[in-house]
Amino acid sequence: MNLIITIFIIALTLSLILAIVSFWLPQMNPDAEKLSPYECGFDPLGSARLPFSIRFFLIAILFLLFDLEIALLLPLPWGDQLSNPTGTLLWATAVLILLTLGLIYEWTQGGLEWAE
């Protein structure tokens, strides 16, 4: 029990020291560049309220879809432990074929072209 209390006291002390130093260490010297809404050095040329292109959202949704597909197929190697491993492989192949056909369709329709 003494070891646990010692580790807890060391962790608490170290956390407090780091929190106090983080308030003393930074130098607050704001200038005109830091106080401007655009810190990247560019002057704002247009409206910041322009809507995103729908193609941006399409690419984001496709990324999420294929990322989810990888997460769903990750446990596939453990599928051979099931009572019907052929059915598991068949369903995984069907999902991959369906996603591949959807990607080919979007590609041929020109939905993945970023600029026209």
Protein backbone atom coordinates (compact mmCIF):
# COMPACT_ATOMS: atom_id res chain seq x y z
CA MET A 1 0.00 0.00 0.00
CA ASN A 2 2.92 2.30 0.71
CA LEU A 3 4.19 1.94 -2.89
CA ILE A 4 0.81 2.92 -4.34
CA ILE A 5 0.62 6.03 -2.16
CA THR A 6 4.19 6.98 -3.13
CA ILE A 7 3.44 6.63 -6.85
CA PHE A 8 0.24 8.64 -6.42
CA ILE A 9 2.09 11.44 -4.59
CA ILE A 10 4.84 11.53 -7.25
CA ALA A 11 2.26 11.69 -10.06
CA LEU A 12 0.27 14.41 -8.30
CA THR A 13 3.39 16.46 -7.55
CA LEU A 14 4.70 16.16 -11.09
CA SER A 15 1.31 17.16 -12.51
CA LEU A 16 1.10 20.21 -10.27
CA ILE A 17 4.65 21.29 -11.12
CA LEU A 18 3.97 20.97 -14.85
CA ALA A 19 0.69 22.88 -14.55
CA ILE A 20 2.34 25.74 -12.63
CA VAL A 21 5.29 25.94 -15.03
CA SER A 22 2.94 26.04 -18.01
CA PHE A 23 1.40 29.25 -16.65
CA TRP A 24 4.79 30.90 -16.04
CA LEU A 25 6.64 29.79 -19.15
CA PRO A 26 4.72 31.23 -22.14
CA GLN A 27 5.43 34.80 -23.17
CA MET A 28 2.31 36.71 -24.08
CA ASN A 29 3.38 39.33 -26.60
CA PRO A 30 0.50 39.72 -29.05
CA ASP A 31 1.17 41.72 -32.19
CA ALA A 32 -0.95 42.70 -35.19
CA GLU A 33 -0.21 39.46 -37.05
CA LYS A 34 -1.20 37.28 -34.10
CA LEU A 35 -4.39 39.22 -33.45
CA SER A 36 -5.54 39.04 -37.08
CA PRO A 37 -8.10 36.33 -37.92
CA TYR A 38 -5.76 34.79 -40.52
CA GLU A 39 -2.48 33.77 -38.90
CA CYS A 40 -1.06 32.17 -42.03
CA GLY A 41 0.27 35.48 -43.41
CA PHE A 42 -2.27 35.86 -46.22
CA ASP A 43 -4.62 38.78 -46.34
CA PRO A 44 -8.27 37.74 -46.58
CA LEU A 45 -9.25 38.21 -50.22
CA GLY A 46 -12.79 36.93 -50.33
CA SER A 47 -15.66 35.85 -48.22
CA ALA A 48 -14.93 33.18 -45.64
CA ARG A 49 -18.51 31.94 -45.89
CA LEU A 50 -18.28 30.27 -49.31
CA PRO A 51 -19.84 26.78 -49.23
CA PHE A 52 -17.75 23.69 -49.85
CA SER A 53 -18.10 21.87 -53.10
CA ILE A 54 -20.30 18.78 -52.97
CA ARG A 55 -17.36 16.85 -54.41
CA PHE A 56 -15.43 17.52 -51.20
CA PHE A 57 -18.17 15.78 -49.23
CA LEU A 58 -18.29 12.91 -51.75
CA ILE A 59 -14.56 12.26 -51.34
CA ALA A 60 -14.94 12.43 -47.54
CA ILE A 61 -17.85 9.96 -47.58
CA LEU A 62 -15.93 7.59 -49.85
CA PHE A 63 -12.95 7.74 -47.51
CA LEU A 64 -15.17 6.95 -44.52
CA LEU A 65 -16.90 4.14 -46.42
CA PHE A 66 -13.65 2.40 -47.36
CA ASP A 67 -12.24 3.01 -43.90
CA LEU A 68 -15.30 1.34 -42.41
CA GLU A 69 -14.96 -1.49 -44.89
CA ILE A 70 -11.43 -2.17 -43.64
CA ALA A 71 -12.69 -2.15 -40.05
CA LEU A 72 -15.41 -4.65 -40.94
CA LEU A 73 -13.05 -6.97 -42.81
CA LEU A 74 -10.29 -6.84 -40.21
CA PRO A 75 -11.66 -9.80 -38.18
CA LEU A 76 -11.96 -11.89 -41.36
CA PRO A 77 -8.89 -14.09 -40.62
CA TRP A 78 -10.61 -15.25 -37.46
CA GLY A 79 -13.64 -16.26 -39.50
CA ASP A 80 -12.12 -19.66 -40.24
CA GLN A 81 -12.78 -20.56 -36.58
CA LEU A 82 -16.53 -20.40 -37.17
CA SER A 83 -18.71 -23.36 -37.98
CA ASN A 84 -19.23 -22.12 -41.56
CA PRO A 85 -16.05 -20.35 -42.76
CA THR A 86 -17.14 -20.55 -46.40
CA GLY A 87 -20.20 -18.42 -45.66
CA THR A 88 -18.06 -15.80 -43.93
CA LEU A 89 -15.71 -15.62 -46.89
CA LEU A 90 -18.68 -15.43 -49.26
CA TRP A 91 -20.22 -12.48 -47.39
CA ALA A 92 -16.88 -10.66 -47.21
CA THR A 93 -16.36 -11.18 -50.94
CA ALA A 94 -19.87 -9.88 -51.64
CA VAL A 95 -19.18 -6.71 -49.63
CA LEU A 96 -15.91 -6.13 -51.48
CA ILE A 97 -17.51 -6.70 -54.88
CA LEU A 98 -20.39 -4.34 -54.05
CA LEU A 99 -18.02 -1.60 -52.91
CA THR A 100 -15.78 -2.09 -55.94
CA LEU A 101 -18.74 -1.86 -58.33
CA GLY A 102 -19.91 1.33 -56.61
CA LEU A 103 -16.43 2.83 -56.92
CA ILE A 104 -16.22 1.90 -60.60
CA TYR A 105 -19.65 3.45 -61.20
CA GLU A 106 -18.67 6.73 -59.52
CA TRP A 107 -15.40 6.76 -61.41
CA THR A 108 -17.04 6.25 -64.82
CA GLN A 109 -19.69 8.89 -64.07
CA GLY A 110 -16.94 11.42 -63.32
CA GLY A 111 -17.98 11.87 -59.69
CA LEU A 112 -14.41 11.57 -58.45
CA GLU A 113 -13.01 14.32 -60.67
CA TRP A 114 -11.95 17.11 -58.35
CA ALA A 115 -11.84 19.92 -60.96
CA GLU A 116 -13.53 20.15 -64.31
